[in-house]
Amino acid sequence: MPEQSPRQPSGPFANTVTVGDVAAFVTSKNAGPYKLALDIVFATAADYERFVGQAGLDREAVAAIYGIPLADVLDVIHFAPAFAVKIALRRRIIAGAPGDSDVYGAQQHVPLMQHRIAW
């Protein structure tokens, strides 16, 4: 049986990839009890530069991805020496407080990882 090729996005998603498709890894973690840190790290300078140049990932975009107020996106930092983008978010619930479902902040990167960008 011939090997099937992966289904390519069509329509408005044609020529797009997810952030997770182009990054070496995307991760999240606590940055203290009141903040989360999201990291997007690329394998090469070329991938990092292309992402920074065309992905349009600014505070407004991150707020839209997460459905949070702009004020809760504290910073988007481009760090070229590590081919990385770091994002700081205000936690909706203090780490470990009643109602917190991810005390370590280890699962909060998924919406960012699944976000589609032109590539």
N, C-alpha and C. Protein backbone atom coordinates (compact mmCIF):
# COMPACT_ATOMS: atom_id res chain seq x y z
N MET A 1 0.85 -1.17 0.00
CA MET A 1 0.00 0.00 0.00
C MET A 1 0.90 1.24 0.00
N PRO A 2 0.64 2.22 -0.89
CA PRO A 2 1.48 3.42 -0.91
C PRO A 2 1.29 4.24 0.36
N GLU A 3 2.38 4.88 0.75
CA GLU A 3 2.35 5.73 1.95
C GLU A 3 1.55 7.00 1.65
N GLN A 4 0.65 7.35 2.55
CA GLN A 4 -0.15 8.55 2.38
C GLN A 4 0.63 9.76 2.87
N SER A 5 0.51 10.83 2.11
CA SER A 5 1.17 12.06 2.55
C SER A 5 0.29 12.75 3.56
N PRO A 6 0.90 13.54 4.48
CA PRO A 6 0.08 14.24 5.46
C PRO A 6 -0.84 15.22 4.75
N ARG A 7 -2.00 15.40 5.29
CA ARG A 7 -2.98 16.31 4.70
C ARG A 7 -2.49 17.75 4.83
N GLN A 8 -2.48 18.44 3.72
CA GLN A 8 -2.02 19.82 3.71
C GLN A 8 -3.18 20.76 3.99
N PRO A 9 -2.97 21.82 4.78
CA PRO A 9 -4.05 22.76 5.04
C PRO A 9 -4.51 23.42 3.74
N SER A 10 -5.77 23.75 3.68
CA SER A 10 -6.31 24.43 2.51
C SER A 10 -7.11 25.64 2.95
N GLY A 11 -7.64 26.37 1.97
CA GLY A 11 -8.43 27.56 2.27
C GLY A 11 -7.58 28.59 2.99
N PRO A 12 -8.12 29.19 4.05
CA PRO A 12 -7.37 30.25 4.73
C PRO A 12 -6.12 29.75 5.45
N PHE A 13 -5.98 28.42 5.59
CA PHE A 13 -4.82 27.86 6.27
C PHE A 13 -3.74 27.39 5.30
N ALA A 14 -3.97 27.57 4.00
CA ALA A 14 -2.95 27.20 3.02
C ALA A 14 -1.70 28.04 3.28
N ASN A 15 -0.55 27.46 3.11
CA ASN A 15 0.74 28.14 3.33
C ASN A 15 0.93 28.58 4.78
N THR A 16 0.34 27.84 5.70
CA THR A 16 0.56 28.12 7.12
C THR A 16 1.10 26.87 7.80
N VAL A 17 1.71 27.10 8.94
CA VAL A 17 2.20 26.04 9.82
C VAL A 17 1.86 26.45 11.24
N THR A 18 1.98 25.52 12.16
CA THR A 18 1.83 25.91 13.55
C THR A 18 3.19 26.35 14.09
N VAL A 19 3.16 27.13 15.14
CA VAL A 19 4.41 27.52 15.79
C VAL A 19 5.19 26.27 16.18
N GLY A 20 4.50 25.25 16.68
CA GLY A 20 5.16 24.01 17.06
C GLY A 20 5.80 23.28 15.89
N ASP A 21 5.29 23.48 14.67
CA ASP A 21 5.88 22.86 13.49
C ASP A 21 7.27 23.42 13.18
N VAL A 22 7.48 24.71 13.42
CA VAL A 22 8.73 25.35 13.02
C VAL A 22 9.72 25.55 14.15
N ALA A 23 9.26 25.48 15.38
CA ALA A 23 10.15 25.65 16.53
C ALA A 23 10.80 24.32 16.90
N ALA A 24 12.00 24.40 17.46
CA ALA A 24 12.62 23.19 18.02
C ALA A 24 11.79 22.70 19.19
N PHE A 25 11.31 23.65 20.02
CA PHE A 25 10.37 23.32 21.08
C PHE A 25 9.67 24.57 21.57
N VAL A 26 8.50 24.35 22.15
CA VAL A 26 7.70 25.40 22.78
C VAL A 26 7.39 24.87 24.17
N THR A 27 7.59 25.70 25.18
CA THR A 27 7.40 25.22 26.55
C THR A 27 6.83 26.34 27.42
N SER A 28 6.38 25.96 28.60
CA SER A 28 5.88 26.94 29.57
C SER A 28 6.28 26.48 30.96
N LYS A 29 6.34 27.46 31.86
CA LYS A 29 6.70 27.15 33.25
C LYS A 29 6.33 28.34 34.12
N ASN A 30 6.33 28.10 35.42
CA ASN A 30 6.11 29.19 36.36
C ASN A 30 7.25 30.20 36.28
N ALA A 31 6.91 31.44 36.50
CA ALA A 31 7.91 32.48 36.67
C ALA A 31 7.55 33.19 37.98
N GLY A 32 7.42 32.39 39.02
CA GLY A 32 6.94 32.87 40.31
C GLY A 32 5.45 32.55 40.42
N PRO A 33 4.84 32.84 41.56
CA PRO A 33 3.44 32.46 41.75
C PRO A 33 2.44 33.28 40.95
N TYR A 34 2.87 34.42 40.40
CA TYR A 34 1.94 35.32 39.72
C TYR A 34 2.14 35.39 38.21
N LYS A 35 3.17 34.74 37.69
CA LYS A 35 3.48 34.85 36.27
C LYS A 35 3.77 33.49 35.66
N LEU A 36 3.57 33.41 34.33
CA LEU A 36 3.95 32.26 33.53
C LEU A 36 4.96 32.72 32.50
N ALA A 37 5.91 31.86 32.18
CA ALA A 37 6.86 32.12 31.11
C ALA A 37 6.61 31.11 30.00
N LEU A 38 6.50 31.61 28.77
CA LEU A 38 6.36 30.77 27.59
C LEU A 38 7.63 30.96 26.77
N ASP A 39 8.19 29.88 26.27
CA ASP A 39 9.41 29.96 25.48
C ASP A 39 9.21 29.27 24.14
N ILE A 40 9.63 29.95 23.08
CA ILE A 40 9.68 29.37 21.75
C ILE A 40 11.15 29.38 21.36
N VAL A 41 11.72 28.22 21.10
CA VAL A 41 13.14 28.11 20.79
C VAL A 41 13.29 27.46 19.42
N PHE A 42 14.17 28.02 18.60
CA PHE A 42 14.39 27.55 17.24
C PHE A 42 15.75 26.86 17.13
N ALA A 43 15.86 25.94 16.18
CA ALA A 43 17.09 25.18 15.99
C ALA A 43 18.16 26.00 15.28
N THR A 44 17.74 26.95 14.45
CA THR A 44 18.71 27.71 13.67
C THR A 44 18.42 29.21 13.73
N ALA A 45 19.44 29.99 13.47
CA ALA A 45 19.27 31.44 13.40
C ALA A 45 18.32 31.80 12.27
N ALA A 46 18.40 31.08 11.16
CA ALA A 46 17.52 31.38 10.02
C ALA A 46 16.05 31.19 10.39
N ASP A 47 15.71 30.11 11.08
CA ASP A 47 14.31 29.89 11.50
C ASP A 47 13.88 30.97 12.49
N TYR A 48 14.74 31.29 13.44
CA TYR A 48 14.43 32.34 14.41
C TYR A 48 14.17 33.67 13.70
N GLU A 49 15.06 34.06 12.81
CA GLU A 49 14.93 35.34 12.13
C GLU A 49 13.68 35.38 11.25
N ARG A 50 13.39 34.28 10.58
CA ARG A 50 12.18 34.23 9.75
C ARG A 50 10.94 34.37 10.63
N PHE A 51 10.91 33.67 11.76
CA PHE A 51 9.77 33.74 12.67
C PHE A 51 9.58 35.16 13.19
N VAL A 52 10.64 35.76 13.68
CA VAL A 52 10.56 37.12 14.22
C VAL A 52 10.13 38.11 13.13
N GLY A 53 10.62 37.90 11.92
CA GLY A 53 10.32 38.82 10.83
C GLY A 53 8.91 38.73 10.28
N GLN A 54 8.28 37.56 10.38
CA GLN A 54 6.99 37.45 9.71
C GLN A 54 5.85 36.90 10.55
N ALA A 55 6.09 36.39 11.74
CA ALA A 55 5.01 35.74 12.51
C ALA A 55 4.04 36.74 13.13
N GLY A 56 4.47 37.98 13.33
CA GLY A 56 3.56 38.97 13.93
C GLY A 56 3.18 38.64 15.35
N LEU A 57 4.08 38.01 16.07
CA LEU A 57 3.77 37.61 17.44
C LEU A 57 4.16 38.74 18.39
N ASP A 58 3.19 39.61 18.67
CA ASP A 58 3.40 40.71 19.60
C ASP A 58 2.42 40.53 20.77
N ARG A 59 2.37 41.50 21.67
CA ARG A 59 1.51 41.38 22.85
C ARG A 59 0.04 41.21 22.45
N GLU A 60 -0.39 41.94 21.43
CA GLU A 60 -1.78 41.86 20.99
C GLU A 60 -2.10 40.46 20.46
N ALA A 61 -1.19 39.89 19.67
CA ALA A 61 -1.41 38.55 19.13
C ALA A 61 -1.47 37.51 20.25
N VAL A 62 -0.58 37.62 21.22
CA VAL A 62 -0.57 36.66 22.33
C VAL A 62 -1.86 36.79 23.14
N ALA A 63 -2.32 38.01 23.39
CA ALA A 63 -3.58 38.20 24.11
C ALA A 63 -4.73 37.53 23.36
N ALA A 64 -4.75 37.66 22.03
CA ALA A 64 -5.80 37.03 21.23
C ALA A 64 -5.70 35.51 21.28
N ILE A 65 -4.50 34.97 21.19
CA ILE A 65 -4.30 33.51 21.22
C ILE A 65 -4.85 32.94 22.53
N TYR A 66 -4.58 33.62 23.63
CA TYR A 66 -4.97 33.12 24.95
C TYR A 66 -6.33 33.63 25.42
N GLY A 67 -6.92 34.58 24.69
CA GLY A 67 -8.21 35.12 25.09
C GLY A 67 -8.14 35.86 26.41
N ILE A 68 -7.06 36.62 26.59
CA ILE A 68 -6.84 37.34 27.84
C ILE A 68 -6.69 38.83 27.56
N PRO A 69 -6.86 39.67 28.58
CA PRO A 69 -6.66 41.10 28.37
C PRO A 69 -5.21 41.41 28.00
N LEU A 70 -5.03 42.43 27.18
CA LEU A 70 -3.69 42.85 26.76
C LEU A 70 -2.79 43.12 27.97
N ALA A 71 -3.36 43.66 29.03
CA ALA A 71 -2.57 43.98 30.23
C ALA A 71 -1.98 42.73 30.88
N ASP A 72 -2.54 41.55 30.59
CA ASP A 72 -2.02 40.31 31.17
C ASP A 72 -0.86 39.72 30.38
N VAL A 73 -0.56 40.30 29.21
CA VAL A 73 0.63 39.91 28.46
C VAL A 73 1.71 40.90 28.86
N LEU A 74 2.57 40.49 29.74
CA LEU A 74 3.52 41.42 30.35
C LEU A 74 4.67 41.78 29.43
N ASP A 75 5.12 40.82 28.61
CA ASP A 75 6.25 41.11 27.73
C ASP A 75 6.40 40.03 26.67
N VAL A 76 6.91 40.42 25.52
CA VAL A 76 7.34 39.51 24.47
C VAL A 76 8.78 39.91 24.17
N ILE A 77 9.72 39.01 24.48
CA ILE A 77 11.14 39.34 24.38
C ILE A 77 11.77 38.47 23.30
N HIS A 78 12.43 39.11 22.34
CA HIS A 78 13.19 38.40 21.32
C HIS A 78 14.63 38.30 21.80
N PHE A 79 15.15 37.08 21.90
CA PHE A 79 16.49 36.87 22.42
C PHE A 79 17.32 36.12 21.38
N ALA A 80 17.91 36.87 20.47
CA ALA A 80 18.63 36.31 19.33
C ALA A 80 19.77 35.36 19.71
N PRO A 81 20.56 35.62 20.78
CA PRO A 81 21.67 34.70 21.08
C PRO A 81 21.22 33.25 21.31
N ALA A 82 19.98 33.06 21.77
CA ALA A 82 19.47 31.71 22.02
C ALA A 82 18.45 31.27 20.97
N PHE A 83 18.26 32.08 19.91
CA PHE A 83 17.24 31.81 18.88
C PHE A 83 15.89 31.59 19.55
N ALA A 84 15.52 32.47 20.49
CA ALA A 84 14.34 32.24 21.31
C ALA A 84 13.46 33.49 21.44
N VAL A 85 12.18 33.23 21.67
CA VAL A 85 11.22 34.27 22.01
C VAL A 85 10.64 33.87 23.36
N LYS A 86 10.68 34.79 24.32
CA LYS A 86 10.14 34.53 25.66
C LYS A 86 8.95 35.45 25.86
N ILE A 87 7.88 34.88 26.40
CA ILE A 87 6.66 35.63 26.66
C ILE A 87 6.34 35.50 28.14
N ALA A 88 6.03 36.61 28.78
CA ALA A 88 5.63 36.61 30.19
C ALA A 88 4.15 36.96 30.28
N LEU A 89 3.39 36.09 30.94
CA LEU A 89 1.96 36.30 31.15
C LEU A 89 1.65 36.40 32.63
N ARG A 90 0.68 37.22 32.96
CA ARG A 90 0.16 37.24 34.34
C ARG A 90 -0.73 36.02 34.51
N ARG A 91 -0.52 35.27 35.58
CA ARG A 91 -1.37 34.10 35.84
C ARG A 91 -2.77 34.54 36.22
N ARG A 92 -3.76 33.83 35.70
CA ARG A 92 -5.16 34.13 36.01
C ARG A 92 -5.46 33.77 37.48
N ILE A 93 -4.86 32.67 37.92
CA ILE A 93 -5.01 32.21 39.30
C ILE A 93 -3.60 32.02 39.86
N ILE A 94 -3.36 32.49 41.05
CA ILE A 94 -2.05 32.35 41.68
C ILE A 94 -1.68 30.87 41.75
N ALA A 95 -0.43 30.54 41.47
CA ALA A 95 0.02 29.15 41.48
C ALA A 95 -0.28 28.50 42.82
N GLY A 96 -0.98 27.38 42.78
CA GLY A 96 -1.29 26.62 43.99
C GLY A 96 -2.55 27.07 44.70
N ALA A 97 -3.16 28.15 44.26
CA ALA A 97 -4.39 28.63 44.90
C ALA A 97 -5.55 27.73 44.50
N PRO A 98 -6.62 27.72 45.28
CA PRO A 98 -7.79 26.93 44.88
C PRO A 98 -8.23 27.30 43.45
N GLY A 99 -8.48 26.28 42.65
CA GLY A 99 -8.88 26.50 41.27
C GLY A 99 -7.75 26.44 40.27
N ASP A 100 -6.51 26.44 40.76
CA ASP A 100 -5.36 26.35 39.85
C ASP A 100 -5.23 24.90 39.38
N SER A 101 -5.31 24.71 38.06
CA SER A 101 -5.26 23.35 37.53
C SER A 101 -3.88 22.96 37.01
N ASP A 102 -2.93 23.89 37.07
CA ASP A 102 -1.58 23.61 36.55
C ASP A 102 -0.57 24.38 37.38
N VAL A 103 -0.31 23.89 38.58
CA VAL A 103 0.52 24.62 39.55
C VAL A 103 1.91 24.93 39.01
N TYR A 104 2.44 24.08 38.13
CA TYR A 104 3.78 24.30 37.59
C TYR A 104 3.77 25.13 36.31
N GLY A 105 2.61 25.38 35.77
CA GLY A 105 2.53 26.13 34.51
C GLY A 105 3.06 25.34 33.33
N ALA A 106 3.16 24.04 33.47
CA ALA A 106 3.82 23.20 32.47
C ALA A 106 2.97 22.87 31.25
N GLN A 107 1.67 23.18 31.28
CA GLN A 107 0.79 22.82 30.16
C GLN A 107 0.22 24.05 29.45
N GLN A 108 0.73 25.21 29.76
CA GLN A 108 0.13 26.44 29.24
C GLN A 108 0.64 26.84 27.87
N HIS A 109 1.61 26.14 27.33
CA HIS A 109 2.18 26.49 26.03
C HIS A 109 1.37 25.97 24.85
N VAL A 110 0.42 25.08 25.07
CA VAL A 110 -0.26 24.41 23.97
C VAL A 110 -0.99 25.39 23.03
N PRO A 111 -1.76 26.37 23.50
CA PRO A 111 -2.38 27.29 22.54
C PRO A 111 -1.36 28.01 21.66
N LEU A 112 -0.24 28.38 22.22
CA LEU A 112 0.82 29.04 21.46
C LEU A 112 1.44 28.07 20.45
N MET A 113 1.69 26.86 20.87
CA MET A 113 2.27 25.85 20.01
C MET A 113 1.36 25.52 18.82
N GLN A 114 0.05 25.58 19.01
CA GLN A 114 -0.92 25.24 17.97
C GLN A 114 -1.32 26.44 17.11
N HIS A 115 -0.85 27.63 17.46
CA HIS A 115 -1.20 28.83 16.71
C HIS A 115 -0.61 28.76 15.30
N ARG A 116 -1.43 29.05 14.29
CA ARG A 116 -1.01 28.97 12.90
C ARG A 116 -0.44 30.30 12.44
N ILE A 117 0.67 30.22 11.70
CA ILE A 117 1.32 31.41 11.15
C ILE A 117 1.65 31.16 9.67
N ALA A 118 1.76 32.23 8.91
CA ALA A 118 2.19 32.11 7.51
C ALA A 118 3.65 31.69 7.52
N TRP A 119 4.02 30.80 6.60
CA TRP A 119 5.41 30.33 6.58
C TRP A 119 5.88 30.06 5.15
